Amino acid sequence: MVDWKAGVGAHTIAEILSEPSTWKSCLNALEKTSELQSLNEKLPRNIEWVFIGCGSSFYLAQAASASWTILTGEKSRALPASEVTLFPQLFPAACQPVLITRSGYTSEVLQAAEYLEERLHLQTLAITCGLDTPIEKIASHCIQLAAADEKSTVMTRSFTSMLITLQSLAAIRGGRRDFLDALRKLPDQVAGSLNAIHSTIKSLADSRAFADYVFLGQGPFFGIAQESMLKVKEMSCSYAQCFHTLEFRHGPKAIVSPETLITFIISETGFAAEVAVLEEIKKLGGTTLVISNAGDSVIRRSADYFVELSLDVPETARVAASVIPGQLLGFCTGIKKGLNPDEPRNLSRVVMLETK
């Protein structure tokens, strides 16, 4: 692989490739302190959980919410932080809010936290990669993952590390010891395939540019498709869209052409139905990238590019790993276009609004 250590985008690519080791550091630290077990005992049961964030953190909230319901059986939903304050009537009166903010400084998350704690008198749980930040002073409970913080503007390892941490809390809540064991195995398994994934995505990005990038996913993978879309937008300033996989055939497929790269994040639960859409879209002439834990003859026939994860863990434990190809696609496409993924156009690392 190319040595990016001193090149353009050096921080971003280093942080993407460090994800497995970062997950391991975070999980080891959390296990050592028993912080998640303690939180599980303090937080209410038989109540809806609401995961709240902005940008990448909102897409993380979508994946975390789906994972929470799958692993615990409890109701959950995801909301952008702005909805909490702009349309409070849509917020459930009784719930457990979870505030997601990499920096701990995101203005809209802080506003939501203050509203929930002070107006609704709800005890919020925050998760952040920052230390000594404003969110700690507002939230009743706070998980800090300093090892997952980043120097670059875009979220990569912070996204996956916070997701895996929330999945760990869900597994504890749901009594899923098998799932916790699977998450401990995940870093080494992903580390073993990172070079192959990087090589496939770099080959794709180097081969050509596309007029439109489309990302498709279902269930817990929809939030991953959303985040993959955002990585391509942020790092390469390319036009990108996201849909539920089966929804794509209900109108959006009109955009399909050889200039459209359609990325399918294939689930195990919906495998047959999602692969049928893949086959349909390939026949329409689209260029296809498939990310799947395993492939069959239809995938191999219909995928122009194929990332086979081959992870020996349950489906929901593969969710975080499934975003890495999208992160690499954003990075490699940005480099190909002569951009610096460390410093995306018009973006800052933290969105802090001026107070009036």
Protein backbone atom coordinates (compact mmCIF):
# COMPACT_ATOMS: atom_id res chain seq x y z
CA MET A 1 0.00 0.00 0.00
CA VAL A 2 1.01 3.63 -0.48
CA ASP A 3 2.72 5.25 2.54
CA TRP A 4 0.43 8.15 3.46
CA LYS A 5 2.24 9.04 6.70
CA ALA A 6 3.61 12.35 5.45
CA GLY A 7 1.29 13.05 2.54
CA VAL A 8 -1.93 14.92 1.89
CA GLY A 9 -4.71 13.45 4.01
CA ALA A 10 -2.20 11.78 6.33
CA HIS A 11 -4.32 12.23 9.46
CA THR A 12 -7.49 10.87 7.88
CA ILE A 13 -6.02 7.73 6.37
CA ALA A 14 -4.05 6.99 9.54
CA GLU A 15 -7.23 7.30 11.58
CA ILE A 16 -9.20 5.03 9.22
CA LEU A 17 -6.51 2.36 9.27
CA SER A 18 -6.22 2.62 13.08
CA GLU A 19 -9.87 1.74 13.65
CA PRO A 20 -9.41 -1.90 14.73
CA SER A 21 -6.68 -1.03 17.24
CA THR A 22 -8.76 1.90 18.52
CA TRP A 23 -11.79 -0.35 19.05
CA LYS A 24 -9.62 -2.73 21.04
CA SER A 25 -8.25 0.10 23.22
CA CYS A 26 -11.74 1.46 23.91
CA LEU A 27 -13.24 -1.95 24.70
CA ASN A 28 -10.32 -2.88 26.98
CA ALA A 29 -10.62 0.40 28.89
CA LEU A 30 -14.37 0.04 29.32
CA GLU A 31 -14.04 -3.55 30.48
CA LYS A 32 -11.35 -2.60 32.98
CA THR A 33 -13.52 0.07 34.62
CA SER A 34 -16.84 -1.82 34.31
CA GLU A 35 -18.32 1.55 33.36
CA LEU A 36 -20.95 0.13 31.05
CA GLN A 37 -22.11 -2.44 33.59
CA SER A 38 -22.50 0.35 36.14
CA LEU A 39 -24.44 2.51 33.68
CA ASN A 40 -26.75 -0.38 32.84
CA GLU A 41 -27.70 -0.68 36.51
CA LYS A 42 -28.39 3.05 36.83
CA LEU A 43 -30.41 3.61 33.65
CA PRO A 44 -34.17 2.91 33.50
CA ARG A 45 -35.73 -0.18 31.98
CA ASN A 46 -38.89 -0.69 29.93
CA ILE A 47 -38.59 2.76 28.38
CA GLU A 48 -37.92 4.03 24.90
CA TRP A 49 -34.34 5.04 24.10
CA VAL A 50 -33.75 8.07 21.86
CA PHE A 51 -30.36 8.49 20.20
CA ILE A 52 -29.54 12.09 19.28
CA GLY A 53 -26.77 13.64 17.17
CA CYS A 54 -25.85 15.95 14.30
CA GLY A 55 -24.27 15.01 10.97
CA SER A 56 -22.21 11.85 11.32
CA SER A 57 -23.39 11.54 14.91
CA PHE A 58 -27.02 11.46 13.71
CA TYR A 59 -26.19 8.65 11.28
CA LEU A 60 -24.40 6.94 14.16
CA ALA A 61 -27.61 7.41 16.15
CA GLN A 62 -29.56 5.61 13.40
CA ALA A 63 -27.22 2.61 13.48
CA ALA A 64 -27.13 2.62 17.30
CA SER A 65 -30.92 2.79 17.55
CA ALA A 66 -31.41 -0.17 15.23
CA SER A 67 -28.71 -2.12 17.07
CA TRP A 68 -30.32 -1.27 20.44
CA THR A 69 -33.70 -2.69 19.48
CA ILE A 70 -32.18 -5.80 17.90
CA LEU A 71 -30.02 -6.55 20.95
CA THR A 72 -32.38 -5.53 23.77
CA GLY A 73 -35.90 -5.76 22.37
CA GLU A 74 -36.56 -2.26 23.73
CA LYS A 75 -38.09 0.51 21.65
CA SER A 76 -35.71 3.10 20.26
CA ARG A 77 -35.48 5.86 17.66
CA ALA A 78 -32.93 8.33 16.30
CA LEU A 79 -33.42 12.09 16.03
CA PRO A 80 -31.29 15.00 14.85
CA ALA A 81 -30.50 17.29 17.79
CA SER A 82 -32.26 20.17 16.05
CA GLU A 83 -35.61 18.34 16.14
CA VAL A 84 -35.50 18.21 19.93
CA THR A 85 -35.57 22.00 20.26
CA LEU A 86 -37.41 23.02 17.08
CA PHE A 87 -40.22 20.45 17.26
CA PRO A 88 -40.30 19.33 20.91
CA GLN A 89 -43.85 18.01 20.48
CA LEU A 90 -42.33 15.15 18.46
CA PHE A 91 -40.11 14.12 21.38
CA PRO A 92 -41.45 11.34 23.66
CA ALA A 93 -42.24 12.56 27.15
CA ALA A 94 -40.82 9.47 28.84
CA CYS A 95 -37.57 8.14 27.41
CA GLN A 96 -33.84 7.69 27.91
CA PRO A 97 -32.02 10.24 25.74
CA VAL A 98 -28.51 9.45 24.46
CA LEU A 99 -26.52 12.45 23.20
CA ILE A 100 -23.75 11.71 20.71
CA THR A 101 -21.02 14.30 20.11
CA ARG A 102 -17.42 13.58 19.14
CA SER A 103 -16.09 16.89 20.45
CA GLY A 104 -18.47 17.53 23.33
CA TYR A 105 -18.88 21.08 22.01
CA THR A 106 -21.49 20.74 19.21
CA SER A 107 -23.90 23.62 19.81
CA GLU A 108 -27.14 21.90 18.76
CA VAL A 109 -26.37 18.85 20.92
CA LEU A 110 -25.64 21.09 23.91
CA GLN A 111 -28.90 22.95 23.33
CA ALA A 112 -30.78 19.65 23.17
CA ALA A 113 -29.06 18.44 26.33
CA GLU A 114 -30.01 21.59 28.24
CA TYR A 115 -33.62 21.34 27.07
CA LEU A 116 -33.89 17.68 28.06
CA GLU A 117 -32.21 18.08 31.44
CA GLU A 118 -33.63 21.45 32.51
CA ARG A 119 -37.05 21.61 30.82
CA LEU A 120 -38.07 17.94 30.66
CA HIS A 121 -36.07 16.87 33.74
CA LEU A 122 -34.72 13.81 31.95
CA GLN A 123 -31.39 12.31 32.93
CA THR A 124 -29.38 12.18 29.72
CA LEU A 125 -26.52 9.89 28.78
CA ALA A 126 -23.80 11.48 26.62
CA ILE A 127 -21.03 9.79 24.67
CA THR A 128 -18.04 11.80 23.46
CA CYS A 129 -14.38 11.51 22.53
CA GLY A 130 -13.50 14.79 24.25
CA LEU A 131 -12.28 15.35 27.78
CA ASP A 132 -13.39 18.17 30.08
CA THR A 133 -16.03 19.40 27.63
CA PRO A 134 -19.34 21.27 28.07
CA ILE A 135 -21.46 18.14 27.49
CA GLU A 136 -20.02 16.59 30.67
CA LYS A 137 -21.31 19.51 32.72
CA ILE A 138 -24.86 19.16 31.34
CA ALA A 139 -25.47 15.42 30.95
CA SER A 140 -26.26 13.28 33.98
CA HIS A 141 -24.01 10.49 32.70
CA CYS A 142 -21.11 10.64 30.24
CA ILE A 143 -19.00 8.03 28.44
CA GLN A 144 -15.62 9.36 27.28
CA LEU A 145 -13.57 7.64 24.58
CA ALA A 146 -10.42 9.77 24.42
CA ALA A 147 -8.53 7.06 22.50
CA ALA A 148 -10.97 7.43 19.58
CA ASP A 149 -10.57 11.19 19.09
CA GLU A 150 -9.17 12.47 15.80
CA LYS A 151 -6.97 15.24 14.41
CA SER A 152 -8.80 15.32 11.07
CA THR A 153 -12.05 17.15 10.41
CA VAL A 154 -14.21 14.20 9.37
CA MET A 155 -15.34 11.49 11.77
CA THR A 156 -13.96 8.01 11.09
CA ARG A 157 -12.63 6.05 14.06
CA SER A 158 -14.70 8.15 16.47
CA PHE A 159 -17.86 7.10 14.60
CA THR A 160 -17.15 3.38 14.75
CA SER A 161 -15.74 3.44 18.29
CA MET A 162 -18.78 5.23 19.71
CA LEU A 163 -21.07 2.86 17.80
CA ILE A 164 -19.31 -0.24 19.14
CA THR A 165 -19.47 1.21 22.66
CA LEU A 166 -23.23 1.78 22.41
CA GLN A 167 -23.62 -1.73 21.00
CA SER A 168 -21.67 -3.04 24.00
CA LEU A 169 -24.04 -1.26 26.36
CA ALA A 170 -26.97 -2.75 24.44
CA ALA A 171 -25.46 -6.24 24.70
CA ILE A 172 -25.07 -5.81 28.46
CA ARG A 173 -28.66 -4.55 28.70
CA GLY A 174 -29.89 -7.51 26.64
CA GLY A 175 -27.79 -10.13 28.45
CA ARG A 176 -25.94 -10.91 25.23
CA ARG A 177 -22.61 -12.23 26.49
CA ASP A 178 -22.10 -13.87 23.09
CA PHE A 179 -22.31 -10.47 21.41
CA LEU A 180 -19.77 -8.93 23.79
CA ASP A 181 -17.41 -11.80 23.00
CA ALA A 182 -17.96 -11.17 19.28
CA LEU A 183 -17.10 -7.48 19.63
CA ARG A 184 -13.85 -8.44 21.33
CA LYS A 185 -12.99 -10.65 18.35
CA LEU A 186 -13.94 -8.02 15.78
CA PRO A 187 -10.80 -5.80 15.83
CA ASP A 188 -8.37 -8.58 14.95
CA GLN A 189 -10.65 -9.93 12.24
CA VAL A 190 -11.06 -6.52 10.59
CA ALA A 191 -7.35 -5.72 10.92
CA GLY A 192 -6.57 -8.83 8.91
CA SER A 193 -8.62 -7.64 5.92
CA LEU A 194 -7.91 -3.89 5.97
CA ASN A 195 -5.18 -3.96 3.32
CA ALA A 196 -7.37 -5.92 0.91
CA ILE A 197 -10.31 -3.55 1.44
CA HIS A 198 -8.04 -0.52 0.95
CA SER A 199 -6.62 -2.01 -2.25
CA THR A 200 -10.07 -2.70 -3.73
CA ILE A 201 -11.39 0.78 -2.96
CA LYS A 202 -8.24 2.52 -4.18
CA SER A 203 -8.46 0.59 -7.46
CA LEU A 204 -12.08 1.69 -7.83
CA ALA A 205 -11.33 5.35 -7.09
CA ASP A 206 -8.31 5.37 -9.41
CA SER A 207 -10.23 3.80 -12.28
CA ARG A 208 -12.65 6.66 -12.89
CA ALA A 209 -14.81 9.41 -11.40
CA PHE A 210 -18.59 9.16 -11.23
CA ALA A 211 -21.28 11.79 -11.66
CA ASP A 212 -23.33 10.34 -8.80
CA TYR A 213 -22.57 8.10 -5.82
CA VAL A 214 -25.52 6.18 -4.34
CA PHE A 215 -25.43 4.18 -1.10
CA LEU A 216 -28.05 1.58 -0.19
CA GLY A 217 -28.66 -0.29 3.06
CA GLN A 218 -31.41 -1.72 5.26
CA GLY A 219 -31.96 -2.14 9.00
CA PRO A 220 -28.87 -1.27 11.07
CA PHE A 221 -26.95 -0.81 7.81
CA PHE A 222 -29.08 2.15 6.68
CA GLY A 223 -27.26 4.49 9.07
CA ILE A 224 -24.00 3.06 7.70
CA ALA A 225 -25.14 3.82 4.14
CA GLN A 226 -25.98 7.38 5.27
CA GLU A 227 -22.57 7.83 6.84
CA SER A 228 -20.81 6.38 3.78
CA MET A 229 -22.68 8.90 1.63
CA LEU A 230 -21.50 11.70 3.90
CA LYS A 231 -17.86 10.57 3.78
CA VAL A 232 -17.88 10.79 -0.02
CA LYS A 233 -19.49 14.24 0.13
CA GLU A 234 -17.13 15.58 2.79
CA MET A 235 -13.81 14.22 1.60
CA SER A 236 -14.27 14.33 -2.18
CA CYS A 237 -16.91 17.06 -2.65
CA SER A 238 -18.83 14.62 -4.87
CA TYR A 239 -22.58 14.36 -5.32
CA ALA A 240 -23.90 11.46 -3.26
CA GLN A 241 -27.30 10.10 -2.20
CA CYS A 242 -28.64 7.41 0.13
CA PHE A 243 -31.77 5.23 0.10
CA HIS A 244 -33.09 2.09 1.72
CA THR A 245 -32.11 -0.68 -0.67
CA LEU A 246 -35.59 -1.82 -1.66
CA GLU A 247 -36.84 1.77 -1.84
CA PHE A 248 -34.34 2.50 -4.60
CA ARG A 249 -36.45 0.61 -7.13
CA HIS A 250 -39.47 2.82 -6.36
CA GLY A 251 -38.50 5.83 -8.46
CA PRO A 252 -34.85 6.61 -7.65
CA LYS A 253 -33.59 3.92 -10.03
CA ALA A 254 -34.39 6.38 -12.83
CA ILE A 255 -30.95 7.93 -12.20
CA VAL A 256 -29.05 4.70 -12.91
CA SER A 257 -26.42 4.90 -15.64
CA PRO A 258 -22.79 3.83 -16.12
CA GLU A 259 -21.89 7.21 -14.55
CA THR A 260 -23.66 6.21 -11.32
CA LEU A 261 -21.77 4.19 -8.73
CA ILE A 262 -24.32 2.30 -6.63
CA THR A 263 -22.92 0.85 -3.40
CA PHE A 264 -24.93 -1.99 -1.86
CA ILE A 265 -24.31 -2.73 1.82
CA ILE A 266 -25.88 -6.17 1.87
CA SER A 267 -27.33 -7.54 5.10
CA GLU A 268 -27.62 -11.20 6.01
CA THR A 269 -31.22 -10.80 7.18
CA GLY A 270 -32.38 -9.25 3.90
CA PHE A 271 -29.83 -10.97 1.68
CA ALA A 272 -32.09 -12.48 -0.98
CA ALA A 273 -34.28 -9.38 -1.40
CA GLU A 274 -31.32 -6.99 -1.50
CA VAL A 275 -29.34 -9.11 -3.95
CA ALA A 276 -32.42 -9.15 -6.22
CA VAL A 277 -32.24 -5.33 -6.31
CA LEU A 278 -28.52 -5.53 -7.07
CA GLU A 279 -29.18 -7.80 -10.02
CA GLU A 280 -31.96 -5.51 -11.25
CA ILE A 281 -29.78 -2.38 -11.05
CA LYS A 282 -26.86 -4.06 -12.77
CA LYS A 283 -29.13 -4.92 -15.70
CA LEU A 284 -29.99 -1.21 -15.97
CA GLY A 285 -26.33 -0.42 -16.59
CA GLY A 286 -25.19 0.98 -13.25
CA THR A 287 -21.68 0.52 -11.91
CA THR A 288 -21.87 -1.47 -8.68
CA LEU A 289 -19.85 -1.81 -5.51
CA VAL A 290 -21.00 -4.51 -3.09
CA ILE A 291 -20.06 -4.71 0.59
CA SER A 292 -21.17 -8.01 2.08
CA ASN A 293 -19.98 -10.49 4.64
CA ALA A 294 -20.14 -13.24 2.02
CA GLY A 295 -20.90 -13.47 -1.67
CA ASP A 296 -22.85 -15.81 -3.90
CA SER A 297 -22.86 -16.32 -7.65
CA VAL A 298 -25.32 -13.45 -8.22
CA ILE A 299 -23.17 -11.00 -6.26
CA ARG A 300 -20.03 -12.06 -8.08
CA ARG A 301 -21.80 -11.70 -11.42
CA SER A 302 -23.46 -8.36 -10.64
CA ALA A 303 -20.73 -6.55 -8.67
CA ASP A 304 -18.16 -4.56 -10.58
CA TYR A 305 -16.27 -4.23 -7.29
CA PHE A 306 -16.75 -6.50 -4.29
CA VAL A 307 -15.61 -6.10 -0.68
CA GLU A 308 -16.14 -9.42 1.11
CA LEU A 309 -15.78 -8.86 4.86
CA SER A 310 -15.71 -12.55 5.89
CA LEU A 311 -16.21 -11.75 9.57
CA ASP A 312 -17.00 -14.58 11.99
CA VAL A 313 -19.31 -12.52 14.21
CA PRO A 314 -23.10 -11.95 14.32
CA GLU A 315 -24.63 -9.62 11.73
CA THR A 316 -25.15 -6.65 14.05
CA ALA A 317 -21.52 -6.87 15.20
CA ARG A 318 -20.45 -6.27 11.58
CA VAL A 319 -22.21 -2.92 11.32
CA ALA A 320 -19.24 -0.74 12.34
CA ALA A 321 -16.86 -2.58 10.01
CA SER A 322 -19.24 -2.05 7.09
CA VAL A 323 -18.59 1.71 7.03
CA ILE A 324 -14.84 1.39 6.45
CA PRO A 325 -15.14 0.87 2.65
CA GLY A 326 -17.25 4.06 2.45
CA GLN A 327 -14.69 5.98 4.48
CA LEU A 328 -11.92 4.76 2.18
CA LEU A 329 -13.98 5.59 -0.91
CA GLY A 330 -14.39 9.16 0.29
CA PHE A 331 -10.69 9.42 1.06
CA CYS A 332 -9.38 7.83 -2.15
CA THR A 333 -11.81 9.78 -4.35
CA GLY A 334 -10.80 13.03 -2.67
CA ILE A 335 -7.11 12.27 -3.23
CA LYS A 336 -7.82 11.39 -6.86
CA LYS A 337 -9.54 14.78 -7.31
CA GLY A 338 -6.55 16.61 -5.84
CA LEU A 339 -8.30 17.50 -2.57
CA ASN A 340 -7.05 17.23 1.01
CA PRO A 341 -9.40 15.00 3.03
CA ASP A 342 -7.85 16.34 6.24
CA GLU A 343 -9.26 19.79 5.46
CA PRO A 344 -12.58 19.46 3.58
CA ARG A 345 -13.95 22.52 1.85
CA ASN A 346 -16.39 24.69 3.87
CA LEU A 347 -16.18 22.42 6.92
CA SER A 348 -14.87 22.79 10.46
CA ARG A 349 -14.12 20.07 12.96
CA VAL A 350 -16.83 21.28 15.35
CA VAL A 351 -20.06 23.18 14.57
CA MET A 352 -20.24 25.86 17.25
CA LEU A 353 -22.95 28.46 16.68
CA GLU A 354 -22.62 32.06 17.80
CA THR A 355 -24.91 32.88 20.70
CA LYS A 356 -27.05 35.99 20.43
